[in-house]
Amino acid sequence: MEYINWQGFLIGLAAFIMIGVFHPIVAKMEYHLGKRSWWMLFVPGIACLAGSVFFSSLTSMLLGALAFSFFWSTLEIFMQHDRVIKGRAKRNPKRTDYD
């Protein structure tokens, strides 16, 4: 029986799961904390990116994908804020810091 390389499948599956997990996290963070919470996603992204250098193979790839998921979510916080201002996303009535 030949060896089957599952790494590509696992990276794709992990990226799919990360997208699914980060989407509601971004919405909830913007709702409760506002766009000023961007650093809570950026700092772990830097840590994951730095960590990916010190691991090998699959772990490194997963940490790299996770890092860039954090980075993309950092941008999404600002885009979500714009969607809230335009009325396309739910606004938190307890917050008054909308521009």
Protein backbone atom coordinates (compact mmCIF):
# COMPACT_ATOMS: atom_id res chain seq x y z
CA MET A 1 0.00 0.00 0.00
CA GLU A 2 1.34 3.40 -0.95
CA TYR A 3 1.84 6.23 1.48
CA ILE A 4 -0.87 8.89 1.24
CA ASN A 5 0.10 12.48 2.03
CA TRP A 6 -2.69 14.02 4.11
CA GLN A 7 -0.99 17.34 4.87
CA GLY A 8 -2.72 19.32 2.12
CA PHE A 9 -6.10 17.98 3.16
CA LEU A 10 -5.44 18.79 6.82
CA ILE A 11 -4.26 22.34 6.06
CA GLY A 12 -7.34 22.95 3.90
CA LEU A 13 -9.65 21.56 6.58
CA ALA A 14 -7.94 23.61 9.28
CA ALA A 15 -8.25 26.79 7.19
CA PHE A 16 -11.94 26.06 6.63
CA ILE A 17 -12.49 25.60 10.37
CA MET A 18 -10.50 28.76 11.19
CA ILE A 19 -12.65 30.82 8.83
CA GLY A 20 -15.78 29.40 10.43
CA VAL A 21 -14.53 30.12 13.95
CA PHE A 22 -13.18 33.62 13.33
CA HIS A 23 -16.29 34.93 11.54
CA PRO A 24 -18.53 35.00 14.63
CA ILE A 25 -15.62 36.04 16.86
CA VAL A 26 -15.11 39.18 14.79
CA ALA A 27 -18.81 40.03 14.87
CA LYS A 28 -19.02 39.56 18.64
CA MET A 29 -15.80 41.47 19.30
CA GLU A 30 -16.99 44.45 17.28
CA TYR A 31 -20.44 44.31 18.93
CA HIS A 32 -19.13 44.18 22.50
CA LEU A 33 -15.72 45.87 22.30
CA GLY A 34 -15.71 47.96 19.13
CA LYS A 35 -13.00 48.40 16.54
CA ARG A 36 -10.46 49.31 19.22
CA SER A 37 -10.18 45.59 19.98
CA TRP A 38 -8.15 45.01 16.81
CA TRP A 39 -4.96 44.44 18.78
CA MET A 40 -6.55 41.41 20.51
CA LEU A 41 -6.38 39.67 17.14
CA PHE A 42 -3.16 41.19 15.85
CA VAL A 43 -0.94 40.27 18.81
CA PRO A 44 -1.83 36.53 18.76
CA GLY A 45 -1.25 36.64 14.99
CA ILE A 46 2.28 37.89 15.55
CA ALA A 47 2.82 35.18 18.18
CA CYS A 48 1.57 32.43 15.86
CA LEU A 49 3.69 33.74 13.01
CA ALA A 50 6.78 33.81 15.23
CA GLY A 51 5.97 30.34 16.53
CA SER A 52 5.63 28.94 13.03
CA VAL A 53 9.34 29.56 12.49
CA PHE A 54 10.32 27.28 15.35
CA PHE A 55 8.20 24.23 14.49
CA SER A 56 8.51 21.80 11.67
CA SER A 57 6.25 20.69 8.86
CA LEU A 58 2.54 20.42 9.64
CA THR A 59 2.67 22.36 12.91
CA SER A 60 4.48 25.22 11.20
CA MET A 61 1.93 25.31 8.39
CA LEU A 62 -0.99 25.27 10.81
CA LEU A 63 0.51 28.08 12.89
CA GLY A 64 1.13 30.10 9.74
CA ALA A 65 -2.46 29.63 8.58
CA LEU A 66 -3.71 30.56 12.04
CA ALA A 67 -1.48 33.67 12.08
CA PHE A 68 -2.91 34.93 8.82
CA SER A 69 -6.43 34.12 9.98
CA PHE A 70 -5.75 36.41 12.94
CA PHE A 71 -4.38 39.09 10.59
CA TRP A 72 -7.38 38.88 8.29
CA SER A 73 -9.72 39.06 11.28
CA THR A 74 -7.88 42.19 12.41
CA LEU A 75 -8.87 43.81 9.11
CA GLU A 76 -12.38 42.38 9.39
CA ILE A 77 -12.93 44.19 12.72
CA PHE A 78 -12.66 47.50 10.83
CA MET A 79 -14.82 46.26 7.95
CA GLN A 80 -17.42 45.00 10.43
CA HIS A 81 -17.42 48.42 12.08
CA ASP A 82 -18.16 50.01 8.69
CA ARG A 83 -20.98 47.51 8.12
CA VAL A 84 -22.48 48.46 11.50
CA ILE A 85 -22.33 52.16 10.65
CA LYS A 86 -24.02 51.52 7.29
CA GLY A 87 -26.74 49.48 9.02
CA ARG A 88 -25.76 46.12 7.49
CA ALA A 89 -24.76 44.57 10.82
CA LYS A 90 -26.22 44.66 14.30
CA ARG A 91 -25.42 47.72 16.41
CA ASN A 92 -24.89 47.45 20.16
CA PRO A 93 -27.38 49.89 21.73
CA LYS A 94 -25.25 50.14 24.90
CA ARG A 95 -22.29 51.59 23.00
CA THR A 96 -22.06 55.19 21.85
CA ASP A 97 -18.58 55.22 20.30
CA TYR A 98 -19.75 54.79 16.70
CA ASP A 99 -18.25 57.35 14.35
